[in-house]
Amino acid sequence: MCKDMSPLEKAIQFHGHVCPGLLMGVRVAEFAMHRLGVSADVNEELLAVVETDSCGVDAIQAILGCTFGKGNLIFKDYGKNVYTIASRENGQAIRVAQKFRNSRTPQSQRYRELVCKGPLTEAEAAEKEELIALLFEQLMSTPFEELFEWKEIDFEFPPKAGIFNTIQCTRCGEGVIDIKATETARGPVCPGCLAENGGR
């Protein structure tokens, strides 16, 4: 990914298209960088806890550099557009929550209908493009405090991501990191095989 891209361009390239959810994530990421006085993560200095698996998380990954692979993106499956961004360097953390009343406008509802509809007519495709242009302007120009609530919080930083040994599951034969395997009478078993066999 080109380092000279703007945060918005990075997010769009990573996500593949522009949509309202991605734009909300862009706003959160840019706010976090400004408020915490940080730049994109290089070596797990930043940590993001996301409470959704929606489009906005791609902006967090692309702009802040918090990813599953680096171990500094933690997913909590709460279905809430809430993001906690923390800086190890300065020991600060903020929690940002999207305001509910701003998540349902007539334009966003219509856009959602068109996205979910499937194949669109030519007129509907044009309407969708007009709506995303309108929503883009609204979401990127609305003052942050009208879209989100945020606060500084105390945050307990987890250890940085570790490197673990890979061992072989005695049931499926696939490799599994040792801390995820369960020792059984037959030897180490991966979580998938353990679940299939009722924990035995």
Protein backbone atom coordinates (compact mmCIF):
# COMPACT_ATOMS: atom_id res chain seq x y z
CA MET A 1 0.00 0.00 0.00
CA CYS A 2 1.43 3.37 -1.02
CA LYS A 3 2.65 5.41 1.95
CA ASP A 4 1.83 8.65 0.15
CA MET A 5 -1.89 7.88 0.08
CA SER A 6 -4.26 9.84 2.29
CA PRO A 7 -5.94 7.89 5.11
CA LEU A 8 -9.17 7.84 3.09
CA GLU A 9 -7.41 6.48 0.00
CA LYS A 10 -5.71 3.76 2.07
CA ALA A 11 -9.05 2.69 3.53
CA ILE A 12 -10.79 2.60 0.13
CA GLN A 13 -7.97 0.60 -1.46
CA PHE A 14 -7.98 -1.89 1.42
CA HIS A 15 -11.77 -2.25 1.55
CA GLY A 16 -12.37 -2.23 -2.20
CA HIS A 17 -15.11 0.40 -2.39
CA VAL A 18 -16.59 3.42 -0.64
CA CYS A 19 -19.52 2.88 1.71
CA PRO A 20 -20.96 4.68 4.76
CA GLY A 21 -19.54 2.14 7.22
CA LEU A 22 -16.03 2.54 5.87
CA LEU A 23 -16.31 6.33 6.08
CA MET A 24 -17.32 6.12 9.74
CA GLY A 25 -14.23 4.02 10.39
CA VAL A 26 -12.10 6.60 8.61
CA ARG A 27 -13.47 9.31 10.88
CA VAL A 28 -12.71 7.22 13.98
CA ALA A 29 -9.17 6.39 12.86
CA GLU A 30 -8.33 9.99 12.00
CA PHE A 31 -9.79 11.23 15.28
CA ALA A 32 -7.81 8.66 17.26
CA MET A 33 -4.55 9.63 15.57
CA HIS A 34 -5.17 13.29 16.33
CA ARG A 35 -6.42 12.81 19.89
CA LEU A 36 -3.71 10.36 20.91
CA GLY A 37 -0.97 12.16 18.97
CA VAL A 38 0.08 9.02 17.10
CA SER A 39 0.73 7.90 13.55
CA ALA A 40 0.11 4.54 11.92
CA ASP A 41 1.34 1.57 13.92
CA VAL A 42 4.61 -0.11 13.08
CA ASN A 43 5.33 -2.52 15.92
CA GLU A 44 2.21 -2.91 18.05
CA GLU A 45 2.51 0.53 19.67
CA LEU A 46 -1.18 0.97 18.92
CA LEU A 47 -3.93 -1.44 19.84
CA ALA A 48 -7.53 -1.43 18.65
CA VAL A 49 -10.45 -3.21 20.27
CA VAL A 50 -13.40 -3.33 17.88
CA GLU A 51 -16.91 -4.38 18.87
CA THR A 52 -18.13 -5.01 15.33
CA ASP A 53 -17.01 -6.89 12.24
CA SER A 54 -18.48 -4.31 9.87
CA CYS A 55 -16.85 -2.15 7.20
CA GLY A 56 -15.44 0.45 9.58
CA VAL A 57 -12.93 -2.07 10.94
CA ASP A 58 -11.20 -2.14 7.56
CA ALA A 59 -10.48 1.57 7.95
CA ILE A 60 -9.00 0.92 11.39
CA GLN A 61 -6.70 -1.72 9.89
CA ALA A 62 -5.71 0.30 6.82
CA ILE A 63 -5.16 3.65 8.56
CA LEU A 64 -3.97 2.73 12.04
CA GLY A 65 -2.11 -0.45 11.12
CA CYS A 66 -3.89 -2.54 13.75
CA THR A 67 -4.38 -6.03 12.31
CA PHE A 68 -5.14 -9.58 13.40
CA GLY A 69 -1.81 -10.74 11.99
CA LYS A 70 0.15 -8.36 14.19
CA GLY A 71 -1.95 -9.20 17.21
CA ASN A 72 -2.96 -5.61 17.90
CA LEU A 73 -6.56 -5.88 16.65
CA ILE A 74 -8.92 -7.46 19.16
CA PHE A 75 -12.43 -8.38 18.03
CA LYS A 76 -15.36 -8.52 20.45
CA ASP A 77 -18.48 -9.78 18.69
CA TYR A 78 -20.96 -7.33 20.26
CA GLY A 79 -22.51 -5.95 17.07
CA LYS A 80 -21.81 -2.36 18.17
CA ASN A 81 -20.03 0.37 16.22
CA VAL A 82 -17.67 0.97 19.11
CA TYR A 83 -13.89 1.27 18.87
CA THR A 84 -11.26 1.51 21.59
CA ILE A 85 -7.90 2.78 20.40
CA ALA A 86 -4.95 2.68 22.79
CA SER A 87 -1.34 3.83 22.56
CA ARG A 88 1.32 1.87 24.45
CA GLU A 89 3.75 4.72 23.88
CA ASN A 90 1.83 7.33 25.85
CA GLY A 91 -0.38 4.97 27.91
CA GLN A 92 -3.58 6.63 26.72
CA ALA A 93 -6.77 5.13 25.36
CA ILE A 94 -10.06 6.43 23.98
CA ARG A 95 -13.37 4.69 23.44
CA VAL A 96 -15.45 5.94 20.50
CA ALA A 97 -19.10 4.97 19.98
CA GLN A 98 -21.25 5.87 17.00
CA LYS A 99 -24.37 7.75 18.05
CA PHE A 100 -27.48 5.74 17.30
CA ARG A 101 -29.59 8.62 16.00
CA ASN A 102 -27.05 9.32 13.27
CA SER A 103 -27.05 5.78 11.94
CA ARG A 104 -30.54 5.96 10.40
CA THR A 105 -31.27 8.73 7.94
CA PRO A 106 -33.66 8.37 4.99
CA GLN A 107 -30.66 8.49 2.63
CA SER A 108 -28.73 5.79 4.52
CA GLN A 109 -31.83 3.60 4.75
CA ARG A 110 -32.44 3.88 1.01
CA TYR A 111 -28.78 3.19 0.28
CA ARG A 112 -28.96 0.07 2.45
CA GLU A 113 -32.08 -1.11 0.59
CA LEU A 114 -30.28 -0.78 -2.74
CA VAL A 115 -27.15 -2.55 -1.47
CA CYS A 116 -29.21 -5.47 -0.18
CA LYS A 117 -31.44 -5.72 -3.23
CA GLY A 118 -29.01 -7.54 -5.50
CA PRO A 119 -29.04 -6.83 -9.25
CA LEU A 120 -30.09 -3.21 -9.80
CA THR A 121 -31.76 -1.55 -12.70
CA GLU A 122 -29.80 1.16 -14.47
CA ALA A 123 -31.88 3.81 -12.69
CA GLU A 124 -31.31 2.18 -9.29
CA ALA A 125 -27.56 1.93 -9.91
CA ALA A 126 -27.47 5.64 -10.72
CA GLU A 127 -29.52 6.39 -7.60
CA LYS A 128 -27.09 4.35 -5.51
CA GLU A 129 -24.13 6.33 -6.88
CA GLU A 130 -25.90 9.61 -6.12
CA LEU A 131 -26.69 8.43 -2.59
CA ILE A 132 -23.11 7.40 -1.81
CA ALA A 133 -21.88 10.78 -3.06
CA LEU A 134 -24.40 12.52 -0.80
CA LEU A 135 -23.59 10.29 2.19
CA PHE A 136 -19.86 10.80 1.58
CA GLU A 137 -20.30 14.56 1.78
CA GLN A 138 -22.48 14.30 4.88
CA LEU A 139 -20.30 11.86 6.80
CA MET A 140 -16.97 13.50 6.01
CA SER A 141 -18.13 17.06 6.74
CA THR A 142 -20.33 16.55 9.82
CA PRO A 143 -18.57 17.56 13.06
CA PHE A 144 -17.17 14.48 14.80
CA GLU A 145 -19.14 15.10 18.00
CA GLU A 146 -22.42 14.92 16.07
CA LEU A 147 -21.59 11.44 14.82
CA PHE A 148 -19.80 9.93 17.79
CA GLU A 149 -19.49 9.98 21.54
CA TRP A 150 -16.01 9.47 22.91
CA LYS A 151 -14.16 9.44 26.21
CA GLU A 152 -10.72 8.74 27.59
CA ILE A 153 -10.60 5.47 29.48
CA ASP A 154 -8.25 3.46 31.66
CA PHE A 155 -6.95 0.58 29.62
CA GLU A 156 -5.09 -2.56 30.63
CA PHE A 157 -2.72 -3.39 27.82
CA PRO A 158 -2.41 -7.09 27.00
CA PRO A 159 1.04 -8.53 26.31
CA LYS A 160 2.34 -8.04 22.80
CA ALA A 161 1.70 -10.88 20.39
CA GLY A 162 3.90 -13.90 21.02
CA ILE A 163 5.46 -16.47 18.74
CA PHE A 164 4.45 -20.03 19.58
CA ASN A 165 5.45 -23.52 18.58
CA THR A 166 3.31 -25.44 16.14
CA ILE A 167 2.50 -29.05 17.01
CA GLN A 168 0.50 -31.71 15.20
CA CYS A 169 -3.06 -32.55 16.17
CA THR A 170 -3.30 -36.29 16.80
CA ARG A 171 -6.80 -36.44 15.28
CA CYS A 172 -6.73 -34.41 12.04
CA GLY A 173 -2.97 -34.26 11.56
CA GLU A 174 -2.99 -30.50 11.00
CA GLY A 175 -0.64 -28.09 12.71
CA VAL A 176 -1.90 -26.05 15.66
CA ILE A 177 -0.08 -23.62 17.93
CA ASP A 178 0.73 -25.31 21.19
CA ILE A 179 -1.18 -22.93 23.46
CA LYS A 180 -4.43 -23.66 21.58
CA ALA A 181 -4.11 -27.45 21.75
CA THR A 182 -5.60 -29.58 24.52
CA GLU A 183 -3.65 -32.53 25.84
CA THR A 184 -5.74 -35.72 25.79
CA ALA A 185 -4.99 -39.41 26.35
CA ARG A 186 -4.26 -39.67 22.60
CA GLY A 187 -2.00 -36.60 22.61
CA PRO A 188 -2.52 -32.96 21.63
CA VAL A 189 -5.86 -32.13 19.97
CA CYS A 190 -6.75 -28.92 18.13
CA PRO A 191 -9.85 -26.91 19.16
CA GLY A 192 -11.78 -27.97 16.05
CA CYS A 193 -11.34 -31.68 16.68
CA LEU A 194 -12.00 -31.20 20.36
CA ALA A 195 -15.33 -29.49 19.58
CA GLU A 196 -16.31 -32.22 17.10
CA ASN A 197 -15.69 -34.91 19.70
CA GLY A 198 -17.53 -33.24 22.56
CA GLY A 199 -14.41 -32.10 24.41
CA ARG A 200 -12.83 -35.57 24.52
